[in-house]
Every structure is written in structure tokens, then in C-alpha cells.
Amino acid sequence: MVVLALAAPFALGWLAAAALLRGDTEAGLLERLSCAFPLGAAVLAMELFLLGLARVPLAPWPVLAIVFGEVVVAALVLRGLGIELLPARRSQGAGQTARGPAGVERLAAVLLGLWICAKLGSVLFEAGLRPIWAWDSWSNWSASAKLFYHSQGLLLDEPAEYFFGRGVASRIPGYPPLNPMLQAWMCLCLGSFDEVLAKLWTPLYLVSGALYLYAASRRVVGLLLSLTLVVALLSSPLLSYHAVEAYSDLPLSIYLLLSLGCFIQAVQGRWSAWLLSGVFCGCALFVKDEGVLFAPLLLAAAAVWLARERSLDRGRRAAALARLALPLLLMAPWYLFKLRCAPTMGTVSDFTALIFRPGNLVKASALLFNVGNFSVVFLFLPVLGLLHGRRDRAAPYAGLVLAGYIAAFFALYVFVPDYDTHFNLGTVFFRNLLTAYPSACLLAAVLLGEGRGRAMISA
């Protein structure tokens, strides 16, 4: 049942990707594989949330029948519409021959590939042995999942002190519910709440992110450097820790990676990537509140680029922006629910008592620009930006989105009292920065590829 529980979101995502990428010759097998699970997991979590809002019992047989039934129906519909479920193989251009890496490069690539496989395998192995342990994982997301699983609903008819699981441990009911919905789904398939297997989906986000980073960066920096970037990504102990725990920071980081990667491809000329970027940005909004910091920056960067891009007519530019923005509306049910029930859920925050704390600015800057953690990647991004040869049309905009996203955290630490308290707990900064880390690795690949005159699309 564990295999079926993980196969269902993968199948949903694969079918959704096939529909979204219809007619796209750029999307290869690796890219679809890397997008399938994150996309399907978000679809499944939103579906469970909507079923709960409709008072449909979140019991095993009704939910499993609905989910697996729609997988079959969706596959048949796509086949009926003539949409290929497997990407067509791209043929090489005239005069091109497939040439593998040289001997030393081939050996290095094999060694790096073996390290990556061993690293991902060890994370999967540990995730299958270790129960939910971290306090934040247990008290927030796991507590929610237990409540939804055992009550077979979202506790919408309870008194205010228990509404939507409020008041259990230190649970914050205003957190977006993708994480607890996926835990509840796993246990619905298992037939009981298992502290180990309930979170077995988390390492699949790490696998998806590593696969996407490899597939995207190989187009711009080649085999060896792309594997090196994946090794750099996976070398972070904090990233591995999050992949075996039930945090939401890792899933958010992968959705931001996919959204920013698709945005870069869209700016470079891939039309279907506008829609994909918006879809993954919308998924980020359903994972953590921090996704709200990313979405307006992405939309603003796209609007500025489209306004300056004279190769597209006005209708085409408006269509591109609409394809990016409209998928965000898919998360409207959650935000409308949260807005309507905010007093009952205890999620009203006060942003009026802003106080400037220069000490937090100094401390956060020192933590960002150091070589003792994965933040070393952020330290060298400006250097790469200054040293790259030909200026890529997408890199400045993607860089501004990433820089603005990190700057937004700085503003919260410096000005908002609640965030000042969390910041001084010691672990919050690197957890927040972790959400931007995979995207920073991808941006590094883009900057390195500029000197070679390469882009993330073939055209």
C-alpha cells in the first residue's frame, strides 16, 4: 500500500504534466519525471482539502476510490484527446552526432552519479526508519494530520477552540495544509497512522528537485558541471535532515525551484513554461505562508520583462502574463477559507506595530554571507553575475526574484515583532534560506552557462 500511496500522486502529476505540456517538444522524460510527483502531490492535497470542505468523510474507501478512479478516467480522457502520455524522442539535427564524454570526464561523471545515488538512497533509507521527531514537525503538521485522519474530516463543526484542529499541542491552524493532507493520505492508504511511513513522501521531493536541477542545468553547463551542482545541492546536511522529517520547507523549496526554472525557460522562448511556472507558484502558496513572498515578485518580474519585450505583440504579452497569473487562482479555496475563518482559527496577525531592529539586519547579513553553510552559494552568485560573459535575457529577472525573496525575509526579521522572536530562536533563518537554496543552484547554472552562450531551451 505504501507503493500505491506514492504512486497515486505521481500518476496524477504525470497526467497533469502531459496535459499542460501538450505539443511541447522541449520537455524531455527527465523533466516530466521531476515535475510529476510535486505536481501530483499538490493536486491530491488540494483535492483532499476540498473533499473535507464538502464534508465528504476522509475515510479510506471513499477517498481511495475517488483518487484512483480519477487517475484511470484522466488517462482515458487524455488518450481520447490524442495527448501522448510519454514524451516523443527528439531527433538530432542534420549533421549532429551523439558524442559521449571523454574518458576522464566519463569517469568523473560516473563517480559523481554514484555519489548522488548513494546520497539519495541513504536519505530514502533513513526516512523509512525514522519516526517524526522534530518538535515543529510533530506539533504542527503531524498533529494536523492525526486530527484529520482520526476524525475523518477537517473538524469544521467543532467549537472555536477546536475548529480545524486549533488548540492541539502548539499547532498553528493557519498554516497551508498540503503537508498534513499528504500525511493523512498516506495513512488512509495504510489503514492506520504510522509515524514513519506517514512522511515517506518527503524524500521524493528531494529526488524530484535533484532530478530537475540535473535536467535543467545539463542543457546549459553540460554533464559534469550539472552533476557537480546536484552534488553541491545534496551536500547540505540541513537539506537531508528536512528530507527525512515532516517539515514543509523542503517541498516549498522544490516548488520555488520548479516555478523559477519554468520562468527562466519562458523568458528564453518556451511558451508552455509560462503556464507551468504559474502552476508551481500556485502550489507553493498551498505549502507555506512564505510562498506569498515569492508570488508577487515572480509576477512583477514577468510583467516588467513582458513590458520591455518588443518581439511579442500586445496580445501575446497579455496572454503570457495571464498564463502565469491565472493558475494562482487554483489556491483561492484555501485563502478564502482562511480569510473567512481567520478569527476562529486564531490566525489574525498584527503588522501595525513595526519596529526597526538594526541588530537583526547585521546578524542576518552575517549569517547570509558566510562559508560555514550552504549560504556559500548565495555568496558566489553575485560574483558569477559579474563574471559571466554574454548577458542572458532571463538571468537578471530570475536573480531579482530570488534576491527580492530573500530580502523579504530580512524585512520581516527587522521590522515585524513576531518574526523577531522567531529569528532569534536560531534555526529559523537557515530554514527560510533553505527554501531559496535549490533555486540559487539553478541560477548558478544559468550564470555559468551564459559564458558558453547556452540557454535552458534548445531553440
Protein backbone atom coordinates (compact mmCIF):
# COMPACT_ATOMS: atom_id res chain seq x y z
CA MET A 1 0.00 0.00 0.00
CA VAL A 2 2.95 2.33 0.50
CA VAL A 3 3.82 1.96 -3.16
CA LEU A 4 0.23 2.71 -4.18
CA ALA A 5 0.11 5.69 -1.83
CA LEU A 6 3.17 7.20 -3.50
CA ALA A 7 2.19 6.09 -7.00
CA ALA A 8 -1.15 7.93 -6.92
CA PRO A 9 0.27 11.48 -6.67
CA PHE A 10 2.97 10.58 -9.18
CA ALA A 11 0.34 9.33 -11.64
CA LEU A 12 -1.82 12.42 -11.10
CA GLY A 13 1.17 14.65 -11.68
CA TRP A 14 2.30 12.74 -14.74
CA LEU A 15 -1.13 13.05 -16.32
CA ALA A 16 -1.39 16.74 -15.38
CA ALA A 17 2.06 17.39 -16.85
CA ALA A 18 1.06 15.58 -20.06
CA ALA A 19 -1.95 17.87 -20.40
CA LEU A 20 -0.01 21.04 -19.57
CA LEU A 21 2.86 20.13 -21.90
CA ARG A 22 0.69 19.12 -24.84
CA GLY A 23 2.58 19.91 -28.02
CA ASP A 24 5.74 20.92 -26.15
CA THR A 25 8.74 19.31 -27.80
CA GLU A 26 11.18 20.79 -25.27
CA ALA A 27 10.02 18.78 -22.26
CA GLY A 28 12.00 15.57 -22.09
CA LEU A 29 11.50 12.48 -19.99
CA LEU A 30 13.69 13.66 -17.09
CA GLU A 31 11.85 16.95 -16.82
CA ARG A 32 8.47 15.23 -16.73
CA LEU A 33 9.71 12.75 -14.16
CA SER A 34 10.97 15.55 -11.92
CA CYS A 35 7.72 17.52 -12.18
CA ALA A 36 5.30 14.62 -11.79
CA PHE A 37 5.39 13.95 -8.06
CA PRO A 38 5.41 17.57 -6.79
CA LEU A 39 2.60 18.48 -9.18
CA GLY A 40 0.51 15.42 -8.31
CA ALA A 41 1.09 15.83 -4.58
CA ALA A 42 -0.30 19.37 -4.71
CA VAL A 43 -3.30 18.24 -6.76
CA LEU A 44 -4.00 15.41 -4.31
CA ALA A 45 -3.64 17.63 -1.23
CA MET A 46 -5.97 20.27 -2.65
CA GLU A 47 -8.48 17.58 -3.58
CA LEU A 48 -8.49 16.17 -0.03
CA PHE A 49 -8.94 19.68 1.34
CA LEU A 50 -11.91 20.31 -0.97
CA LEU A 51 -13.45 16.96 -0.03
CA GLY A 52 -13.10 17.93 3.61
CA LEU A 53 -14.76 21.30 2.98
CA ALA A 54 -17.64 19.46 1.30
CA ARG A 55 -17.99 17.27 4.41
CA VAL A 56 -17.11 14.13 2.45
CA PRO A 57 -15.71 11.69 5.04
CA LEU A 58 -11.96 11.34 4.73
CA ALA A 59 -12.25 7.58 5.13
CA PRO A 60 -10.12 5.07 3.23
CA TRP A 61 -12.54 3.62 0.71
CA PRO A 62 -14.37 6.77 -0.44
CA VAL A 63 -11.14 8.73 -0.81
CA LEU A 64 -9.15 5.93 -2.43
CA ALA A 65 -11.98 5.16 -4.85
CA ILE A 66 -12.20 8.81 -5.89
CA VAL A 67 -8.46 9.31 -6.33
CA PHE A 68 -7.62 6.09 -8.15
CA GLY A 69 -10.81 6.36 -10.18
CA GLU A 70 -9.87 9.80 -11.43
CA VAL A 71 -6.40 8.57 -12.38
CA VAL A 72 -7.99 5.97 -14.66
CA VAL A 73 -10.56 8.42 -16.05
CA ALA A 74 -7.94 11.13 -16.66
CA ALA A 75 -5.68 8.68 -18.50
CA LEU A 76 -8.56 7.58 -20.72
CA VAL A 77 -9.63 11.15 -21.43
CA LEU A 78 -6.12 12.22 -22.37
CA ARG A 79 -5.75 9.23 -24.66
CA GLY A 80 -9.12 10.04 -26.19
CA LEU A 81 -7.97 13.60 -26.86
CA GLY A 82 -4.86 12.31 -28.57
CA ILE A 83 -2.48 13.61 -25.89
CA GLU A 84 0.61 11.46 -25.65
CA LEU A 85 1.38 10.30 -22.13
CA LEU A 86 5.06 9.76 -22.98
CA PRO A 87 7.22 12.50 -24.50
CA ALA A 88 8.34 11.96 -28.06
CA ARG A 89 12.05 11.44 -28.53
CA ARG A 90 13.76 14.45 -30.01
CA SER A 91 15.77 13.65 -33.07
CA GLN A 92 19.19 15.20 -33.60
CA GLY A 93 19.60 17.89 -36.16
CA ALA A 94 21.21 17.30 -39.51
CA GLY A 95 24.89 16.73 -39.26
CA GLN A 96 24.80 16.21 -35.50
CA THR A 97 26.15 13.07 -33.97
CA ALA A 98 25.81 11.84 -30.43
CA ARG A 99 29.17 12.15 -28.75
CA GLY A 100 29.71 10.96 -25.20
CA PRO A 101 32.11 12.48 -22.69
CA ALA A 102 35.83 11.82 -22.84
CA GLY A 103 37.43 9.12 -20.71
CA VAL A 104 38.37 11.23 -17.67
CA GLU A 105 35.12 13.15 -17.81
CA ARG A 106 33.18 9.90 -18.11
CA LEU A 107 34.90 8.50 -15.02
CA ALA A 108 34.23 11.70 -13.06
CA ALA A 109 30.59 11.65 -14.16
CA VAL A 110 30.21 8.03 -13.05
CA LEU A 111 31.72 8.79 -9.64
CA LEU A 112 29.51 11.84 -9.16
CA GLY A 113 26.47 9.87 -10.29
CA LEU A 114 27.26 7.07 -7.84
CA TRP A 115 27.62 9.61 -5.02
CA ILE A 116 24.26 11.15 -5.89
CA CYS A 117 22.55 7.76 -5.98
CA ALA A 118 24.15 6.77 -2.67
CA LYS A 119 23.11 10.06 -1.07
CA LEU A 120 19.51 9.85 -2.25
CA GLY A 121 19.38 6.17 -1.32
CA SER A 122 20.61 6.88 2.21
CA VAL A 123 18.00 9.62 2.64
CA LEU A 124 15.24 7.30 1.46
CA PHE A 125 16.51 4.55 3.75
CA GLU A 126 16.65 6.82 6.79
CA ALA A 127 13.21 8.26 6.06
CA GLY A 128 11.85 4.71 6.06
CA LEU A 129 13.31 4.03 9.52
CA ARG A 130 12.97 7.26 11.45
CA PRO A 131 9.68 8.40 13.00
CA ILE A 132 8.57 12.02 13.14
CA TRP A 133 10.87 13.55 15.72
CA ALA A 134 11.35 17.31 15.29
CA TRP A 135 9.07 19.37 17.51
CA ASP A 136 7.79 21.66 14.76
CA SER A 137 7.01 18.70 12.51
CA TRP A 138 5.18 16.88 15.27
CA SER A 139 3.27 19.75 16.87
CA ASN A 140 2.13 21.49 13.68
CA TRP A 141 1.92 19.30 10.61
CA SER A 142 1.80 15.84 12.13
CA ALA A 143 -0.73 16.88 14.77
CA SER A 144 -2.96 18.22 11.99
CA ALA A 145 -2.64 15.01 10.02
CA LYS A 146 -3.57 12.89 13.06
CA LEU A 147 -6.62 15.02 13.74
CA PHE A 148 -7.85 14.87 10.15
CA TYR A 149 -7.15 11.15 9.87
CA HIS A 150 -8.81 10.05 13.10
CA SER A 151 -11.78 12.44 12.80
CA GLN A 152 -12.17 11.61 9.07
CA GLY A 153 -12.71 15.30 8.39
CA LEU A 154 -11.40 18.82 8.91
CA LEU A 155 -13.15 19.48 12.26
CA LEU A 156 -15.23 22.28 10.73
CA ASP A 157 -18.16 21.81 13.10
CA GLU A 158 -16.22 21.96 16.35
CA PRO A 159 -16.26 24.86 18.86
CA ALA A 160 -13.87 27.73 18.19
CA GLU A 161 -11.17 26.38 20.50
CA TYR A 162 -11.03 23.13 18.47
CA PHE A 163 -12.02 24.39 15.00
CA PHE A 164 -9.77 23.00 12.24
CA GLY A 165 -7.61 21.36 14.90
CA ARG A 166 -6.87 24.55 16.80
CA GLY A 167 -5.55 24.18 20.33
CA VAL A 168 -3.81 20.82 19.87
CA ALA A 169 -0.17 20.95 21.06
CA SER A 170 1.21 24.19 19.59
CA ARG A 171 -0.48 23.68 16.24
CA ILE A 172 -0.98 26.79 14.12
CA PRO A 173 -4.17 26.11 12.13
CA GLY A 174 -3.48 28.91 9.66
CA TYR A 175 -0.60 27.03 8.05
CA PRO A 176 -1.38 25.87 4.49
CA PRO A 177 -2.43 22.21 4.71
CA LEU A 178 -0.50 20.42 1.96
CA ASN A 179 1.77 18.70 4.47
CA PRO A 180 -0.93 17.28 6.79
CA MET A 181 -3.12 16.38 3.83
CA LEU A 182 -0.32 14.25 2.36
CA GLN A 183 0.35 12.60 5.72
CA ALA A 184 -3.35 11.84 6.09
CA TRP A 185 -3.39 10.42 2.55
CA MET A 186 -0.51 8.07 3.32
CA CYS A 187 -2.26 6.77 6.40
CA LEU A 188 -5.59 6.40 4.63
CA CYS A 189 -3.79 4.04 2.26
CA LEU A 190 -2.03 2.24 5.10
CA GLY A 191 -5.14 1.83 7.25
CA SER A 192 -3.51 3.28 10.38
CA PHE A 193 -1.41 6.27 11.35
CA ASP A 194 2.23 5.26 11.03
CA GLU A 195 4.75 7.79 12.42
CA VAL A 196 7.40 6.57 9.97
CA LEU A 197 5.54 5.92 6.74
CA ALA A 198 3.25 8.95 7.08
CA LYS A 199 6.11 11.18 5.93
CA LEU A 200 7.68 8.90 3.33
CA TRP A 201 6.70 11.38 0.61
CA THR A 202 9.19 14.00 1.84
CA PRO A 203 12.36 12.42 0.32
CA LEU A 204 10.58 12.21 -3.04
CA TYR A 205 10.60 16.00 -3.13
CA LEU A 206 14.38 15.88 -2.74
CA VAL A 207 14.65 13.31 -5.54
CA SER A 208 12.42 15.46 -7.76
CA GLY A 209 14.46 18.59 -7.06
CA ALA A 210 17.78 16.88 -7.74
CA LEU A 211 16.45 15.40 -10.97
CA TYR A 212 15.08 18.74 -12.18
CA LEU A 213 18.29 20.58 -11.33
CA TYR A 214 20.28 18.00 -13.30
CA ALA A 215 17.94 18.02 -16.31
CA ALA A 216 17.77 21.83 -16.47
CA SER A 217 21.42 22.59 -15.79
CA ARG A 218 22.76 19.93 -18.16
CA ARG A 219 21.38 21.96 -21.05
CA VAL A 220 23.47 24.97 -20.10
CA VAL A 221 26.63 23.65 -18.43
CA GLY A 222 26.97 20.09 -19.69
CA LEU A 223 27.11 16.74 -17.96
CA LEU A 224 29.96 17.17 -15.48
CA LEU A 225 29.05 20.60 -14.13
CA SER A 226 25.38 19.68 -13.85
CA LEU A 227 26.26 16.63 -11.74
CA THR A 228 28.58 18.81 -9.66
CA LEU A 229 25.73 21.24 -8.97
CA VAL A 230 23.50 18.38 -7.88
CA VAL A 231 26.24 17.17 -5.55
CA ALA A 232 26.51 20.70 -4.14
CA LEU A 233 22.76 20.76 -3.57
CA LEU A 234 22.68 17.39 -1.83
CA SER A 235 25.76 18.14 0.28
CA SER A 236 23.72 20.28 2.67
CA PRO A 237 23.09 18.39 5.94
CA LEU A 238 20.08 20.61 6.64
CA LEU A 239 18.52 19.66 3.32
CA SER A 240 18.97 15.97 4.09
CA TYR A 241 17.53 16.47 7.56
CA HIS A 242 14.41 18.07 6.13
CA ALA A 243 14.07 15.22 3.65
CA VAL A 244 13.64 12.68 6.46
CA GLU A 245 11.41 14.88 8.64
CA ALA A 246 7.87 16.15 8.11
CA TYR A 247 8.75 19.80 7.58
CA SER A 248 7.23 21.91 4.81
CA ASP A 249 10.38 23.87 3.97
CA LEU A 250 11.74 21.27 1.55
CA PRO A 251 8.52 20.96 -0.50
CA LEU A 252 8.33 24.76 -0.69
CA SER A 253 11.93 24.96 -1.92
CA ILE A 254 11.20 22.47 -4.71
CA TYR A 255 8.07 24.31 -5.87
CA LEU A 256 10.05 27.56 -5.97
CA LEU A 257 12.80 25.80 -7.94
CA LEU A 258 10.32 24.46 -10.48
CA SER A 259 8.49 27.78 -10.77
CA LEU A 260 11.67 29.82 -11.24
CA GLY A 261 13.12 27.28 -13.66
CA CYS A 262 9.99 27.40 -15.80
CA PHE A 263 10.03 31.20 -15.65
CA ILE A 264 13.59 31.23 -16.97
CA GLN A 265 12.58 28.92 -19.82
CA ALA A 266 9.53 31.07 -20.56
CA VAL A 267 11.67 34.20 -20.89
CA GLN A 268 14.03 32.27 -23.14
CA GLY A 269 11.16 31.49 -25.52
CA ARG A 270 9.32 28.38 -24.31
CA TRP A 271 5.61 29.23 -24.40
CA SER A 272 4.25 26.35 -22.28
CA ALA A 273 6.62 27.28 -19.46
CA TRP A 274 4.54 30.38 -18.59
CA LEU A 275 1.68 28.17 -17.50
CA LEU A 276 3.92 25.68 -15.70
CA SER A 277 5.65 28.46 -13.79
CA GLY A 278 2.30 29.78 -12.60
CA VAL A 279 1.09 26.30 -11.61
CA PHE A 280 4.15 25.59 -9.47
CA CYS A 281 3.99 29.07 -7.94
CA GLY A 282 0.38 28.33 -7.02
CA CYS A 283 1.47 25.03 -5.46
CA ALA A 284 3.96 26.96 -3.30
CA LEU A 285 1.10 29.02 -1.89
CA PHE A 286 -0.50 25.81 -0.59
CA VAL A 287 2.65 24.67 1.24
CA LYS A 288 3.79 27.53 3.49
CA ASP A 289 2.86 31.16 4.05
CA GLU A 290 6.30 32.13 2.75
CA GLY A 291 5.07 31.31 -0.74
CA VAL A 292 3.17 34.60 -0.60
CA LEU A 293 6.53 36.41 -0.60
CA PHE A 294 7.56 34.73 -3.86
CA ALA A 295 4.41 35.03 -5.99
CA PRO A 296 4.21 38.85 -6.33
CA LEU A 297 7.93 39.05 -7.10
CA LEU A 298 7.57 36.50 -9.88
CA LEU A 299 4.54 38.31 -11.33
CA ALA A 300 6.31 41.67 -11.14
CA ALA A 301 9.43 40.33 -12.87
CA ALA A 302 7.32 38.78 -15.61
CA ALA A 303 5.32 41.98 -16.09
CA VAL A 304 8.48 44.09 -16.39
CA TRP A 305 10.10 41.69 -18.85
CA LEU A 306 6.97 41.44 -20.98
CA ALA A 307 6.58 45.23 -21.00
CA ARG A 308 10.13 45.59 -22.32
CA GLU A 309 9.95 42.67 -24.78
CA ARG A 310 9.14 44.18 -28.15
CA SER A 311 9.36 40.92 -30.10
CA LEU A 312 5.90 39.97 -28.78
CA ASP A 313 2.77 41.84 -29.71
CA ARG A 314 0.45 43.20 -27.03
CA GLY A 315 -1.96 40.26 -27.19
CA ARG A 316 0.82 37.73 -26.84
CA ARG A 317 2.28 39.57 -23.85
CA ALA A 318 -1.10 39.74 -22.13
CA ALA A 319 -1.64 36.03 -22.80
CA ALA A 320 1.76 35.15 -21.29
CA LEU A 321 1.06 37.13 -18.13
CA ALA A 322 -2.40 35.57 -17.85
CA ARG A 323 -0.95 32.06 -18.19
CA LEU A 324 1.41 32.87 -15.33
CA ALA A 325 -1.16 34.54 -13.06
CA LEU A 326 -4.37 32.56 -13.55
CA PRO A 327 -3.09 29.27 -12.02
CA LEU A 328 -2.65 31.13 -8.74
CA LEU A 329 -6.43 31.24 -8.51
CA LEU A 330 -6.42 27.47 -8.01
CA MET A 331 -5.34 28.17 -4.43
CA ALA A 332 -8.30 30.50 -3.86
CA PRO A 333 -10.34 27.91 -1.87
CA TRP A 334 -7.68 27.76 0.82
CA TYR A 335 -7.20 31.52 1.11
CA LEU A 336 -10.93 32.25 1.05
CA PHE A 337 -11.40 29.65 3.78
CA LYS A 338 -8.53 31.13 5.79
CA LEU A 339 -9.84 34.69 5.36
CA ARG A 340 -13.39 33.78 6.32
CA CYS A 341 -12.38 31.71 9.35
CA ALA A 342 -9.33 33.71 10.49
CA PRO A 343 -10.78 34.79 13.88
CA THR A 344 -11.89 31.23 14.64
CA MET A 345 -8.55 29.81 13.56
CA GLY A 346 -6.58 32.37 15.55
CA THR A 347 -4.57 33.48 12.51
CA VAL A 348 -5.00 37.25 12.62
CA SER A 349 -1.53 38.81 12.70
CA ASP A 350 -0.69 42.38 13.67
CA PHE A 351 1.64 44.08 11.20
CA THR A 352 0.95 47.59 12.51
CA ALA A 353 3.47 47.67 15.38
CA LEU A 354 6.57 47.79 13.19
CA ILE A 355 9.87 48.43 14.95
CA PHE A 356 13.24 48.85 13.25
CA ARG A 357 15.85 46.47 14.70
CA PRO A 358 19.24 47.15 13.06
CA GLY A 359 20.84 44.39 15.13
CA ASN A 360 18.75 41.78 13.31
CA LEU A 361 19.86 43.22 9.96
CA VAL A 362 23.53 42.87 10.91
CA LYS A 363 23.01 39.36 12.29
CA ALA A 364 21.06 38.15 9.25
CA SER A 365 23.66 39.60 6.87
CA ALA A 366 26.44 37.83 8.74
CA LEU A 367 24.53 34.55 8.54
CA LEU A 368 23.84 35.00 4.82
CA PHE A 369 27.38 35.82 3.74
CA ASN A 370 29.42 33.11 5.43
CA VAL A 371 31.16 29.99 4.20
CA GLY A 372 30.07 27.71 7.04
CA ASN A 373 26.84 26.55 5.47
CA PHE A 374 25.08 26.21 2.11
CA SER A 375 24.80 30.02 2.09
CA VAL A 376 28.19 29.97 0.38
CA VAL A 377 26.16 29.52 -2.83
CA PHE A 378 24.47 32.88 -2.22
CA LEU A 379 27.87 34.45 -1.57
CA PHE A 380 29.17 33.49 -5.01
CA LEU A 381 26.03 34.26 -7.03
CA PRO A 382 26.85 37.99 -7.29
CA VAL A 383 30.39 37.08 -8.33
CA LEU A 384 29.06 34.80 -11.07
CA GLY A 385 26.72 37.57 -12.14
CA LEU A 386 29.63 39.97 -12.58
CA LEU A 387 31.91 37.48 -14.32
CA HIS A 388 29.56 35.88 -16.81
CA GLY A 389 30.15 36.76 -20.44
CA ARG A 390 27.04 37.29 -22.55
CA ARG A 391 24.11 38.62 -20.52
CA ASP A 392 21.28 36.13 -20.62
CA ARG A 393 17.83 37.65 -21.10
CA ALA A 394 16.39 35.65 -18.16
CA ALA A 395 19.16 35.70 -15.55
CA PRO A 396 18.71 39.31 -14.32
CA TYR A 397 14.98 38.83 -13.79
CA ALA A 398 15.36 35.45 -12.08
CA GLY A 399 18.13 36.89 -9.93
CA LEU A 400 15.95 39.81 -8.87
CA VAL A 401 13.12 37.45 -7.94
CA LEU A 402 15.46 35.39 -5.77
CA ALA A 403 17.12 38.46 -4.23
CA GLY A 404 13.75 40.04 -3.51
CA TYR A 405 12.51 36.84 -1.90
CA ILE A 406 15.49 36.75 0.49
CA ALA A 407 15.20 40.49 1.12
CA ALA A 408 11.56 40.00 2.15
CA PHE A 409 12.71 37.71 4.96
CA PHE A 410 15.20 40.34 6.06
CA ALA A 411 12.40 42.90 6.21
CA LEU A 412 10.30 40.58 8.35
CA TYR A 413 13.18 39.93 10.76
CA VAL A 414 14.00 43.62 11.06
CA PHE A 415 10.53 45.16 11.31
CA VAL A 416 7.87 42.64 12.44
CA PRO A 417 7.84 41.78 16.19
CA ASP A 418 6.58 38.19 15.75
CA TYR A 419 9.31 37.39 13.25
CA ASP A 420 11.92 39.00 15.51
CA THR A 421 11.06 36.39 18.14
CA HIS A 422 11.31 33.51 15.66
CA PHE A 423 14.53 34.87 14.15
CA ASN A 424 16.29 34.90 17.48
CA LEU A 425 15.40 31.25 18.12
CA GLY A 426 18.42 30.47 15.96
CA THR A 427 17.13 27.94 13.41
CA VAL A 428 14.53 29.99 11.55
CA PHE A 429 16.96 31.90 9.33
CA PHE A 430 18.54 28.84 7.76
CA ARG A 431 15.16 27.15 7.36
CA ASN A 432 13.92 30.20 5.48
CA LEU A 433 17.10 30.39 3.42
CA LEU A 434 16.80 26.69 2.64
CA THR A 435 13.65 27.42 0.63
CA ALA A 436 15.74 29.53 -1.78
CA TYR A 437 18.75 27.20 -1.89
CA PRO A 438 17.75 24.90 -4.82
CA SER A 439 16.75 27.95 -6.87
CA ALA A 440 20.14 29.51 -6.16
CA CYS A 441 21.86 26.37 -7.50
CA LEU A 442 19.78 26.60 -10.67
CA LEU A 443 20.59 30.29 -11.10
CA ALA A 444 24.26 29.45 -10.70
CA ALA A 445 23.91 27.01 -13.61
CA VAL A 446 22.25 29.69 -15.75
CA LEU A 447 25.02 32.18 -14.98
CA LEU A 448 27.73 29.61 -15.70
CA GLY A 449 26.02 28.73 -18.97
CA GLU A 450 25.91 32.32 -20.16
CA GLY A 451 29.64 32.33 -20.82
CA ARG A 452 29.07 29.36 -23.12
CA GLY A 453 26.17 31.02 -24.92
CA ARG A 454 23.73 28.30 -23.83
CA ALA A 455 20.13 28.50 -22.65
CA MET A 456 17.76 26.13 -20.87
CA ILE A 457 15.83 25.55 -24.10
CA SER A 458 17.05 24.13 -27.38
CA ALA A 459 15.75 26.90 -29.60
